Amino acid sequence: MSAMAVATQPAYRGQGLASQRVARLSADMLHEGRTPCLFYNDPQAALIYRKLGYQDIGFWTMLYV
C-alpha cells in the first residue's frame, strides 16, 4: 500500500483530521502485518507524524531522469 500525500484544506486545519486519518491508516497497516513508513518534507507534517509515534530514520531524495 502506498499513498503520496495527506492534505487538509485551510478552513479545516487544526481539528486533528490529518492526525486521525494517518493514525487510522497506520493502524490498519499494522493490523495487516505491514510496516508503515512515511516520507515528508513539510515541518508541520513532521509534527503530526512524531505525535503519532513515527521516528526519523534517514533522508530521502527523488531523482528525475
Protein backbone atom coordinates (compact mmCIF):
# COMPACT_ATOMS: atom_id res chain seq x y z
CA MET A 1 0.00 0.00 0.00
CA SER A 2 1.28 3.46 -0.73
CA ALA A 3 -0.04 6.98 -0.54
CA MET A 4 1.52 10.16 -1.78
CA ALA A 5 0.06 12.92 0.36
CA VAL A 6 -2.11 13.89 3.26
CA ALA A 7 -3.60 17.33 2.92
CA THR A 8 -6.24 19.32 4.74
CA GLN A 9 -7.92 22.37 3.29
CA PRO A 10 -7.08 25.54 5.23
CA ALA A 11 -10.60 26.00 6.62
CA TYR A 12 -10.43 22.58 8.31
CA ARG A 13 -6.89 22.66 9.71
CA GLY A 14 -6.24 22.42 13.42
CA GLN A 15 -9.06 19.95 14.04
CA GLY A 16 -6.92 16.81 14.08
CA LEU A 17 -8.31 15.48 10.79
CA ALA A 18 -4.93 14.62 9.25
CA SER A 19 -3.82 13.01 12.50
CA GLN A 20 -6.97 10.88 12.58
CA ARG A 21 -6.50 9.69 9.00
CA VAL A 22 -2.80 8.90 9.36
CA ALA A 23 -3.43 7.13 12.66
CA ARG A 24 -6.18 5.01 11.13
CA LEU A 25 -4.16 4.13 8.02
CA SER A 26 -1.17 3.25 10.19
CA ALA A 27 -3.28 1.06 12.48
CA ASP A 28 -4.85 -0.70 9.50
CA MET A 29 -1.43 -1.41 8.02
CA LEU A 30 -0.08 -2.74 11.31
CA HIS A 31 -3.17 -4.94 11.67
CA GLU A 32 -2.39 -6.37 8.21
CA GLY A 33 1.20 -7.14 9.23
CA ARG A 34 2.64 -4.29 7.19
CA THR A 35 5.20 -1.72 8.31
CA PRO A 36 4.18 1.87 7.64
CA CYS A 37 6.90 4.28 6.53
CA LEU A 38 6.33 7.96 5.79
CA PHE A 39 8.26 10.34 3.55
CA TYR A 40 7.74 14.05 4.11
CA ASN A 41 9.39 17.40 3.55
CA ASP A 42 6.99 19.60 5.50
CA PRO A 43 7.87 20.52 9.10
CA GLN A 44 4.15 20.64 10.01
CA ALA A 45 3.75 17.09 8.74
CA ALA A 46 6.73 16.03 10.86
CA LEU A 47 4.97 17.30 13.98
CA ILE A 48 1.87 15.24 13.20
CA TYR A 49 3.84 12.09 12.43
CA ARG A 50 6.03 12.35 15.53
CA LYS A 51 2.96 12.81 17.76
CA LEU A 52 1.67 9.54 16.31
CA GLY A 53 4.89 7.72 17.21
CA TYR A 54 6.79 7.84 13.95
CA GLN A 55 10.56 8.34 14.20
CA ASP A 56 13.02 9.81 11.72
CA ILE A 57 15.24 7.09 10.25
CA GLY A 58 17.03 8.94 7.47
CA PHE A 59 16.75 11.22 4.50
CA TRP A 60 15.36 10.65 1.02
CA THR A 61 15.60 12.25 -2.36
CA MET A 62 13.89 11.89 -5.70
CA LEU A 63 15.73 11.54 -8.98
CA TYR A 64 14.07 12.66 -12.17
CA VAL A 65 15.53 11.20 -15.35
